[in-house]
Amino acid sequence: MNVFPLKFRQRDDGTLLFADDAGGFFRADEDFLTRYAKDMLTDGDLSFLEENGHVYRQVADHSFTAFMYRWAKRLYAPGGLDYVILVPTLRCNLSCGYCQVSRVNENTPGFDWDENTLEATLKFLDSLATTRLKVEFQGGEPLLRIDLLERVREFCRGRFDEVEFVVCTNLHLLGVREWAFLSADDTFVSTSLDANASVHQRQRTITAERTSEFFGNLRRAVDALGPSKVSALPTLDVRNLPDPHSVIKSFTGFGMRSIYLRPVNYQGFARKQFQALDSAARWNTYHSEFIDALIDYNWTTDEPVEEYYFVHCLRRVLRSGHNGHTDLRNPNVLGQSYLVIDHDGVFYPTDEARMVTRIGRIDLSMGNVRTGLSPETIDALNAEATNNVHPDCVHCSYQAFCGVDLVDDLSRYGRIDMPKHATDFCQRHMHLFDKVFELIYSQDPKVQKSVAIWAGMPEYDPAIAKVHA
């Protein structure tokens, strides 16, 4: 009987977590590790491993084929281009200190799409093979060019069978025309809500008047459009982190049950004012405390709350094919399933690549809407966009659940060959998956309730926490 290679990581309680390349996992002790390393597995060991899909008798038998299937399902296979981020203007009416995208003042000329860029963008969209499209409008503040948004939406509605629009807005430029645009059934709102009113004012709105305007418009958006059509994301300064309970209270006060915590991004121009290069340890501690606060909150509420990215990681552990987040895929192929069209018509594989290019770190552009796609640089990066054969990842127990983020590495370190354990991406995700498995194996009923909710189970199932005694 042949055992598929097992990787292991010691847990805080002294036991070991074992995992294979297909994402199967279980907990065992050091005695099992010794027997495994010395090729002295007992009949009981082999029986447990066989029952849980970790062994095969010969190549191409049912066990081997099933393992290969599970392994393949863990990999992300990009489809055709069906998601575009459009930046019709870089102009903005706010001046947030952590802004990543080199925004310009509201009255600065030369940073909007002109008519030629608009027409070329529509021509590019018309060339797509997909019948379904998601369009995300970013900026700047995209509602400064509501006319461009209207023309894009009108075109896409007539061109694609199914289309969805997301407007990333600061909710400060809302007249009759803007509210009418946002009220359409196929259009959604994404905004920023930085923890609570005091943090939001300090980081974004500056004055009490503007803070009041924002919260008034957010309330109107949630009430008029419905909480399912409005999302808000907090951006937090690791040097001055808010109390987790105040964040939960702020979001639930608007009926929002999913919170996506984000530290200030070390990409683009935010690095001028925020030292986020080596902030992983501080952020990890806070994030863990936030998850614990959510567990306490969910224990006594009928309307539970999640931290979006943590739940995404949990679900990647428990099932394959969970590739909905563009920052956590393996392989994380750039420039195929989605791309960005900037204010000047230039293509980028991601919004983060746009930021890295704009600060002069490295040019990650992919051509423009007038001359077409030129993906040579991105193709070179994509050759390194997998963790399956990376020497720092092949022995990691979390490899099957994790991914890569080459653009983040380039932004922080100017290279993609840093030792993985020294990167912010690896440090954050090691912490995240440590926390995921801490909760999966917890015996605390409060923890088990939240795990079940976040995993989409009617109730906690002990079978997900396999143990080889």
Foldseek 3Di string as FASTA:
>chain_A
DFFADWFWDAFPVQWIWIFHLLLQIAIEHVVQVVCVVVVNDDPLRVVVCVVRLGGDDDDPDPSNVVSVVSNVLLADDFDFAAEEEEEQFLEACWDFLLDAQPRDHNPDPDGGADPVLLVLVLVVVLPGPAQHHEYEYDHRARVSPVVSVVVVVVSNVVRHPYYAYEGEHQQQDDDPSNVVVCQDPRYAYEYADAQDLVRCCVGIVVDPVSSVNSVVSLLVCCVRRNLVRYYYEHEAALVDGDDLVSSVCRQVVSVAQEYAYHYRALFAPSVVPHDPLPSLVSVLVVVLVNVVVQLVVVVPDPRGHYHVVLLLLLQLSQGGPSCPDQQWGFLNQFDGHYWYQGRHFWIARDPRLSRCVVVPLDNRTQGGSVPDGRRPVSVVVSVVRHLCPPPLQVSDSCRSSGTDDQSSCCSNPVDRPDRLVPHSRNSNVVSSVSSSLCLLPDPDLSSQAVSCVSNVHPGRDNVSHHHSD
